[in-house]
Amino acid sequence: MRVDKFLNSVNIVKRRSIADEMCKEGVVFINGKKAKSSKDVKTGDIIEIHYLKGIKKFEVLQIPESKTIPKSKKDEYVKEFK
């Protein structure tokens, strides 16, 4: 699954267009490398998003089968590092 679709599907960002723009601006990293929006995400990947107020890190636990998942099931798909 593309990283922009993944970020939207697991409710990290509200819209896919926002995820696409974040990739274009160079604030999304997969396993330490800048990611284009078309980059595929695999189980076990570490996604970093560099916000102005800090960095958020997520580990991909599984890839969703559907376009969106309920917010209550987000923890089944990504693990956020504190």
N, C-alpha and C. Protein backbone atom coordinates (compact mmCIF):
# COMPACT_ATOMS: atom_id res chain seq x y z
N MET A 1 0.84 -1.18 0.00
CA MET A 1 0.00 0.00 0.00
C MET A 1 0.89 1.24 0.00
N ARG A 2 0.49 2.25 -0.76
CA ARG A 2 1.23 3.50 -0.84
C ARG A 2 1.23 4.20 0.53
N VAL A 3 2.30 4.92 0.83
CA VAL A 3 2.40 5.57 2.13
C VAL A 3 1.32 6.64 2.33
N ASP A 4 0.95 7.37 1.28
CA ASP A 4 -0.09 8.39 1.45
C ASP A 4 -1.45 7.74 1.75
N LYS A 5 -1.75 6.62 1.09
CA LYS A 5 -2.99 5.89 1.37
C LYS A 5 -2.97 5.31 2.78
N PHE A 6 -1.81 4.78 3.18
CA PHE A 6 -1.69 4.17 4.50
C PHE A 6 -1.93 5.19 5.61
N LEU A 7 -1.28 6.36 5.51
CA LEU A 7 -1.43 7.39 6.54
C LEU A 7 -2.89 7.82 6.68
N ASN A 8 -3.60 7.87 5.57
CA ASN A 8 -5.01 8.23 5.60
C ASN A 8 -5.87 7.07 6.13
N SER A 9 -5.59 5.86 5.70
CA SER A 9 -6.40 4.70 6.09
C SER A 9 -6.38 4.43 7.58
N VAL A 10 -5.21 4.61 8.20
CA VAL A 10 -5.09 4.31 9.64
C VAL A 10 -5.29 5.56 10.50
N ASN A 11 -5.83 6.61 9.92
CA ASN A 11 -6.23 7.82 10.64
C ASN A 11 -5.07 8.59 11.28
N ILE A 12 -3.91 8.58 10.63
CA ILE A 12 -2.81 9.42 11.10
C ILE A 12 -3.00 10.84 10.56
N VAL A 13 -3.46 10.94 9.31
CA VAL A 13 -3.84 12.24 8.73
C VAL A 13 -5.28 12.13 8.24
N LYS A 14 -5.96 13.30 8.16
CA LYS A 14 -7.39 13.29 7.81
C LYS A 14 -7.65 12.99 6.35
N ARG A 15 -6.82 13.54 5.45
CA ARG A 15 -7.07 13.35 4.03
C ARG A 15 -5.81 12.88 3.31
N ARG A 16 -6.02 12.10 2.27
CA ARG A 16 -4.90 11.57 1.49
C ARG A 16 -4.13 12.71 0.83
N SER A 17 -4.84 13.77 0.42
CA SER A 17 -4.16 14.90 -0.22
C SER A 17 -3.18 15.57 0.75
N ILE A 18 -3.52 15.58 2.03
CA ILE A 18 -2.60 16.13 3.04
C ILE A 18 -1.37 15.24 3.16
N ALA A 19 -1.57 13.94 3.19
CA ALA A 19 -0.46 12.99 3.26
C ALA A 19 0.44 13.13 2.03
N ASP A 20 -0.16 13.31 0.86
CA ASP A 20 0.60 13.50 -0.38
C ASP A 20 1.44 14.77 -0.30
N GLU A 21 0.85 15.84 0.19
CA GLU A 21 1.56 17.12 0.33
C GLU A 21 2.71 17.01 1.33
N MET A 22 2.48 16.27 2.42
CA MET A 22 3.54 16.08 3.41
C MET A 22 4.74 15.34 2.81
N CYS A 23 4.46 14.37 1.96
CA CYS A 23 5.53 13.63 1.28
C CYS A 23 6.30 14.55 0.33
N LYS A 24 5.56 15.39 -0.40
CA LYS A 24 6.21 16.33 -1.33
C LYS A 24 7.09 17.33 -0.60
N GLU A 25 6.67 17.73 0.60
CA GLU A 25 7.45 18.68 1.40
C GLU A 25 8.65 18.03 2.09
N GLY A 26 8.73 16.70 2.06
CA GLY A 26 9.89 16.00 2.61
C GLY A 26 9.86 15.81 4.12
N VAL A 27 8.67 15.72 4.71
CA VAL A 27 8.59 15.53 6.16
C VAL A 27 8.23 14.09 6.55
N VAL A 28 8.02 13.22 5.56
CA VAL A 28 7.69 11.82 5.83
C VAL A 28 8.90 10.95 5.49
N PHE A 29 9.29 10.12 6.46
CA PHE A 29 10.44 9.23 6.28
C PHE A 29 10.00 7.80 6.56
N ILE A 30 10.51 6.87 5.77
CA ILE A 30 10.29 5.44 6.02
C ILE A 30 11.66 4.81 6.22
N ASN A 31 11.83 4.22 7.39
CA ASN A 31 13.11 3.59 7.76
C ASN A 31 14.29 4.55 7.57
N GLY A 32 14.09 5.81 7.95
CA GLY A 32 15.16 6.80 7.91
C GLY A 32 15.40 7.47 6.57
N LYS A 33 14.64 7.12 5.54
CA LYS A 33 14.82 7.72 4.21
C LYS A 33 13.57 8.51 3.82
N LYS A 34 13.77 9.68 3.18
CA LYS A 34 12.63 10.47 2.73
C LYS A 34 11.76 9.62 1.81
N ALA A 35 10.44 9.75 1.99
CA ALA A 35 9.52 8.91 1.23
C ALA A 35 8.67 9.75 0.29
N LYS A 36 8.58 9.30 -0.95
CA LYS A 36 7.62 9.88 -1.88
C LYS A 36 6.26 9.26 -1.58
N SER A 37 5.19 9.93 -2.01
CA SER A 37 3.85 9.43 -1.70
C SER A 37 3.57 8.06 -2.32
N SER A 38 4.29 7.70 -3.36
CA SER A 38 4.06 6.41 -4.03
C SER A 38 4.84 5.26 -3.39
N LYS A 39 5.68 5.55 -2.40
CA LYS A 39 6.49 4.51 -1.75
C LYS A 39 5.60 3.50 -1.04
N ASP A 40 5.87 2.23 -1.25
CA ASP A 40 5.09 1.16 -0.62
C ASP A 40 5.50 0.99 0.84
N VAL A 41 4.50 0.75 1.69
CA VAL A 41 4.71 0.50 3.11
C VAL A 41 4.54 -1.00 3.34
N LYS A 42 5.46 -1.58 4.14
CA LYS A 42 5.39 -3.00 4.46
C LYS A 42 5.32 -3.17 5.98
N THR A 43 4.85 -4.31 6.42
CA THR A 43 4.81 -4.62 7.84
C THR A 43 6.22 -4.54 8.41
N GLY A 44 6.35 -3.86 9.55
CA GLY A 44 7.65 -3.72 10.20
C GLY A 44 8.36 -2.42 9.88
N ASP A 45 7.89 -1.67 8.89
CA ASP A 45 8.49 -0.38 8.55
C ASP A 45 8.28 0.63 9.69
N ILE A 46 9.22 1.55 9.83
CA ILE A 46 9.10 2.64 10.78
C ILE A 46 8.85 3.93 9.98
N ILE A 47 7.72 4.57 10.25
CA ILE A 47 7.36 5.82 9.58
C ILE A 47 7.60 6.96 10.55
N GLU A 48 8.34 7.97 10.11
CA GLU A 48 8.57 9.17 10.91
C GLU A 48 7.92 10.34 10.19
N ILE A 49 7.23 11.18 10.97
CA ILE A 49 6.68 12.41 10.42
C ILE A 49 7.29 13.56 11.21
N HIS A 50 7.99 14.44 10.52
CA HIS A 50 8.68 15.56 11.16
C HIS A 50 7.77 16.78 11.15
N TYR A 51 7.08 16.99 12.27
CA TYR A 51 6.23 18.17 12.45
C TYR A 51 7.10 19.32 12.97
N LEU A 52 6.54 20.53 12.96
CA LEU A 52 7.27 21.68 13.49
C LEU A 52 7.56 21.52 14.99
N LYS A 53 6.65 20.88 15.72
CA LYS A 53 6.80 20.73 17.16
C LYS A 53 7.48 19.43 17.57
N GLY A 54 7.97 18.68 16.64
CA GLY A 54 8.65 17.44 16.99
C GLY A 54 8.42 16.34 15.96
N ILE A 55 8.90 15.18 16.30
CA ILE A 55 8.84 14.03 15.39
C ILE A 55 7.91 12.98 15.99
N LYS A 56 7.03 12.44 15.15
CA LYS A 56 6.19 11.31 15.56
C LYS A 56 6.67 10.08 14.81
N LYS A 57 6.81 8.99 15.54
CA LYS A 57 7.27 7.72 14.96
C LYS A 57 6.19 6.67 15.10
N PHE A 58 5.99 5.91 14.03
CA PHE A 58 5.01 4.83 14.02
C PHE A 58 5.64 3.57 13.45
N GLU A 59 5.30 2.43 14.03
CA GLU A 59 5.71 1.15 13.45
C GLU A 59 4.48 0.53 12.79
N VAL A 60 4.65 0.05 11.56
CA VAL A 60 3.56 -0.58 10.83
C VAL A 60 3.41 -2.02 11.33
N LEU A 61 2.25 -2.32 11.92
CA LEU A 61 1.99 -3.67 12.43
C LEU A 61 1.32 -4.55 11.40
N GLN A 62 0.39 -3.96 10.63
CA GLN A 62 -0.24 -4.69 9.52
C GLN A 62 -0.82 -3.68 8.54
N ILE A 63 -1.07 -4.15 7.33
CA ILE A 63 -1.61 -3.31 6.26
C ILE A 63 -3.12 -3.51 6.21
N PRO A 64 -3.91 -2.42 6.26
CA PRO A 64 -5.37 -2.58 6.21
C PRO A 64 -5.84 -3.08 4.84
N GLU A 65 -6.86 -3.91 4.86
CA GLU A 65 -7.44 -4.44 3.62
C GLU A 65 -8.42 -3.45 3.00
N SER A 66 -9.10 -2.66 3.85
CA SER A 66 -10.10 -1.73 3.36
C SER A 66 -9.53 -0.31 3.27
N LYS A 67 -10.31 0.57 2.64
CA LYS A 67 -9.87 1.94 2.44
C LYS A 67 -9.69 2.69 3.75
N THR A 68 -10.62 2.51 4.68
CA THR A 68 -10.50 3.14 5.99
C THR A 68 -10.82 2.13 7.08
N ILE A 69 -10.28 2.39 8.25
CA ILE A 69 -10.56 1.54 9.41
C ILE A 69 -11.16 2.42 10.51
N PRO A 70 -11.92 1.82 11.44
CA PRO A 70 -12.43 2.62 12.56
C PRO A 70 -11.28 3.13 13.43
N LYS A 71 -11.42 4.34 13.96
CA LYS A 71 -10.37 4.91 14.80
C LYS A 71 -10.06 4.02 16.00
N SER A 72 -11.04 3.29 16.48
CA SER A 72 -10.84 2.42 17.63
C SER A 72 -9.89 1.26 17.33
N LYS A 73 -9.71 0.93 16.05
CA LYS A 73 -8.84 -0.19 15.68
C LYS A 73 -7.46 0.26 15.19
N LYS A 74 -7.15 1.54 15.35
CA LYS A 74 -5.86 2.08 14.88
C LYS A 74 -4.67 1.33 15.48
N ASP A 75 -4.78 0.94 16.77
CA ASP A 75 -3.68 0.27 17.46
C ASP A 75 -3.36 -1.11 16.89
N GLU A 76 -4.27 -1.68 16.11
CA GLU A 76 -4.01 -2.97 15.47
C GLU A 76 -3.11 -2.82 14.25
N TYR A 77 -3.04 -1.60 13.71
CA TYR A 77 -2.31 -1.37 12.47
C TYR A 77 -1.01 -0.60 12.66
N VAL A 78 -0.97 0.32 13.63
CA VAL A 78 0.25 1.07 13.89
C VAL A 78 0.50 1.15 15.39
N LYS A 79 1.80 1.20 15.73
CA LYS A 79 2.20 1.40 17.12
C LYS A 79 2.97 2.71 17.16
N GLU A 80 2.49 3.65 17.99
CA GLU A 80 3.16 4.95 18.09
C GLU A 80 4.20 4.90 19.19
N PHE A 81 5.40 5.38 18.87
CA PHE A 81 6.47 5.47 19.87
C PHE A 81 6.30 6.75 20.66
N LYS A 82 6.47 6.69 21.95
CA LYS A 82 6.33 7.89 22.81
C LYS A 82 7.68 8.51 23.06
